[in-house]
Every structure is written in C-alpha cells, then in structure tokens.
Amino acid sequence: MTWRPALSRGVVLHHDRVRETDLLLLPERVVVLRGSAGSVLRLCDGTRAVDAIVAELGGRYPDAPVAGEVPDFLAALRKEGWLA
C-alpha cells in the first residue's frame, strides 16, 4: 500500500503521563488509545508508507500479528477522518 498516513489537521497525539496512556486530541473530543495504538500512530508522520510501518512494527514486535491488524487499524482511523 502506498498511502503514507499522517494525523489529520487538528488531530494531536498526546501522552498523558498521569494516566500513562496515549490520547488523540480532536476538536471537542478526546479518544483514549489502548494497547500499542500510540506506538503505531507515532509512525504515521506522512513519510512512511503503510508497508514500512508494518515492517517497523514487525521488527519491534515479532510475535504480534501486525501485518494483518495494522493496515485495518489505520484504514479505520482514516475512515473516521483522524488520518490523512
């Protein structure tokens, strides 16, 4: 896949140190990210294609099913309008 995901305009990835969790800050809304979602979104800087993100995460988490889950996760966030 050649899409190079990046956070949409107005969307901010924030780490809440008090709660030890990652958040997506949206206009008039906050989304609490679970598990490794924040790690995935930190790689969405507009320079890496989805395949490169999957490869990077596959190296970090060799036993995780990133090849099957990450593209679907990113597509769902794109559909919500949170990724461009």
C-alpha atoms as a PDB file:
ATOM      1  CA  MET A   1       0.000   0.000   0.000  1.00  0.00           C
ATOM      2  CA  THR A   2       1.495   3.379  -0.995  1.00  0.00           C
ATOM      3  CA  TRP A   3      -0.618   5.535   1.311  1.00  0.00           C
ATOM      4  CA  ARG A   4       1.615   7.496   3.720  1.00  0.00           C
ATOM      5  CA  PRO A   5      -0.630   8.130   6.732  1.00  0.00           C
ATOM      6  CA  ALA A   6      -0.322  11.246   8.848  1.00  0.00           C
ATOM      7  CA  LEU A   7      -2.544  12.713  11.528  1.00  0.00           C
ATOM      8  CA  SER A   8      -5.239  14.886  10.025  1.00  0.00           C
ATOM      9  CA  ARG A   9      -5.240  18.595  10.593  1.00  0.00           C
ATOM     10  CA  GLY A  10      -6.466  19.388  14.091  1.00  0.00           C
ATOM     11  CA  VAL A  11      -5.626  15.914  15.443  1.00  0.00           C
ATOM     12  CA  VAL A  12      -2.865  15.690  18.066  1.00  0.00           C
ATOM     13  CA  LEU A  13      -1.292  12.595  19.583  1.00  0.00           C
ATOM     14  CA  HIS A  14      -0.615  13.219  23.267  1.00  0.00           C
ATOM     15  CA  HIS A  15       0.812  11.034  26.028  1.00  0.00           C
ATOM     16  CA  ASP A  16      -0.940  11.581  29.365  1.00  0.00           C
ATOM     17  CA  ARG A  17       1.723  10.953  31.991  1.00  0.00           C
ATOM     18  CA  VAL A  18      -0.779  10.910  34.850  1.00  0.00           C
ATOM     19  CA  ARG A  19      -2.862   8.116  33.319  1.00  0.00           C
ATOM     20  CA  GLU A  20       0.104   6.546  31.485  1.00  0.00           C
ATOM     21  CA  THR A  21      -1.894   6.335  28.273  1.00  0.00           C
ATOM     22  CA  ASP A  22      -1.888   7.865  24.824  1.00  0.00           C
ATOM     23  CA  LEU A  23      -4.693  10.134  23.681  1.00  0.00           C
ATOM     24  CA  LEU A  24      -5.853  11.546  20.381  1.00  0.00           C
ATOM     25  CA  LEU A  25      -6.926  15.121  20.919  1.00  0.00           C
ATOM     26  CA  LEU A  26      -9.568  16.141  18.409  1.00  0.00           C
ATOM     27  CA  PRO A  27     -11.662  19.271  18.174  1.00  0.00           C
ATOM     28  CA  GLU A  28     -14.171  18.959  21.031  1.00  0.00           C
ATOM     29  CA  ARG A  29     -13.271  15.299  21.625  1.00  0.00           C
ATOM     30  CA  VAL A  30     -10.624  13.089  23.243  1.00  0.00           C
ATOM     31  CA  VAL A  31     -10.023   9.478  22.220  1.00  0.00           C
ATOM     32  CA  VAL A  32      -8.228   7.211  24.695  1.00  0.00           C
ATOM     33  CA  LEU A  33      -5.889   4.862  22.841  1.00  0.00           C
ATOM     34  CA  ARG A  34      -5.384   1.354  24.118  1.00  0.00           C
ATOM     35  CA  GLY A  35      -2.502  -1.087  23.816  1.00  0.00           C
ATOM     36  CA  SER A  36       0.080  -0.230  21.183  1.00  0.00           C
ATOM     37  CA  ALA A  37      -2.143   2.182  19.226  1.00  0.00           C
ATOM     38  CA  GLY A  38       0.018   5.145  20.249  1.00  0.00           C
ATOM     39  CA  SER A  39       3.161   3.376  19.036  1.00  0.00           C
ATOM     40  CA  VAL A  40       1.517   2.754  15.689  1.00  0.00           C
ATOM     41  CA  LEU A  41       0.342   6.355  15.336  1.00  0.00           C
ATOM     42  CA  ARG A  42       3.768   7.761  16.210  1.00  0.00           C
ATOM     43  CA  LEU A  43       5.000   6.179  12.976  1.00  0.00           C
ATOM     44  CA  CYS A  44       2.280   7.944  10.976  1.00  0.00           C
ATOM     45  CA  ASP A  45       4.272  11.034  10.101  1.00  0.00           C
ATOM     46  CA  GLY A  46       3.484  11.208   6.392  1.00  0.00           C
ATOM     47  CA  THR A  47       6.903   9.902   5.333  1.00  0.00           C
ATOM     48  CA  ARG A  48       6.341   6.152   5.753  1.00  0.00           C
ATOM     49  CA  ALA A  49       4.022   4.037   3.637  1.00  0.00           C
ATOM     50  CA  VAL A  50       1.790   1.533   5.422  1.00  0.00           C
ATOM     51  CA  ASP A  51       4.106  -1.311   4.366  1.00  0.00           C
ATOM     52  CA  ALA A  52       7.069   0.447   6.019  1.00  0.00           C
ATOM     53  CA  ILE A  53       5.065   0.989   9.203  1.00  0.00           C
ATOM     54  CA  VAL A  54       4.136  -2.699   9.254  1.00  0.00           C
ATOM     55  CA  ALA A  55       7.783  -3.679   8.696  1.00  0.00           C
ATOM     56  CA  GLU A  56       8.969  -1.394  11.514  1.00  0.00           C
ATOM     57  CA  LEU A  57       6.388  -2.740  13.938  1.00  0.00           C
ATOM     58  CA  GLY A  58       7.074  -6.321  12.843  1.00  0.00           C
ATOM     59  CA  GLY A  59      10.702  -5.814  13.853  1.00  0.00           C
ATOM     60  CA  ARG A  60       9.718  -4.385  17.214  1.00  0.00           C
ATOM     61  CA  TYR A  61       7.020  -6.954  17.964  1.00  0.00           C
ATOM     62  CA  PRO A  62       7.981 -10.125  16.070  1.00  0.00           C
ATOM     63  CA  ASP A  63       5.265 -12.277  17.652  1.00  0.00           C
ATOM     64  CA  ALA A  64       2.420  -9.820  17.059  1.00  0.00           C
ATOM     65  CA  PRO A  65       0.101 -10.107  14.032  1.00  0.00           C
ATOM     66  CA  VAL A  66       0.948  -6.603  12.793  1.00  0.00           C
ATOM     67  CA  ALA A  67       0.710  -7.451   9.079  1.00  0.00           C
ATOM     68  CA  GLY A  68      -2.942  -8.348   9.468  1.00  0.00           C
ATOM     69  CA  GLU A  69      -4.041  -5.807  12.058  1.00  0.00           C
ATOM     70  CA  VAL A  70      -2.146  -2.564  11.437  1.00  0.00           C
ATOM     71  CA  PRO A  71      -3.458  -1.846   7.899  1.00  0.00           C
ATOM     72  CA  ASP A  72      -7.038  -2.413   9.087  1.00  0.00           C
ATOM     73  CA  PHE A  73      -6.475  -0.211  12.143  1.00  0.00           C
ATOM     74  CA  LEU A  74      -5.041   2.606  10.022  1.00  0.00           C
ATOM     75  CA  ALA A  75      -7.873   2.291   7.495  1.00  0.00           C
ATOM     76  CA  ALA A  76     -10.443   2.554  10.302  1.00  0.00           C
ATOM     77  CA  LEU A  77      -8.796   5.725  11.613  1.00  0.00           C
ATOM     78  CA  ARG A  78      -8.697   7.134   8.100  1.00  0.00           C
ATOM     79  CA  LYS A  79     -12.414   6.428   7.719  1.00  0.00           C
ATOM     80  CA  GLU A  80     -13.042   8.346  10.976  1.00  0.00           C
ATOM     81  CA  GLY A  81     -11.130  11.272   9.461  1.00  0.00           C
ATOM     82  CA  TRP A  82      -8.319  11.129  12.016  1.00  0.00           C
ATOM     83  CA  LEU A  83      -5.642  10.174   9.462  1.00  0.00           C
ATOM     84  CA  ALA A  84      -4.971  11.843   6.151  1.00  0.00           C
END
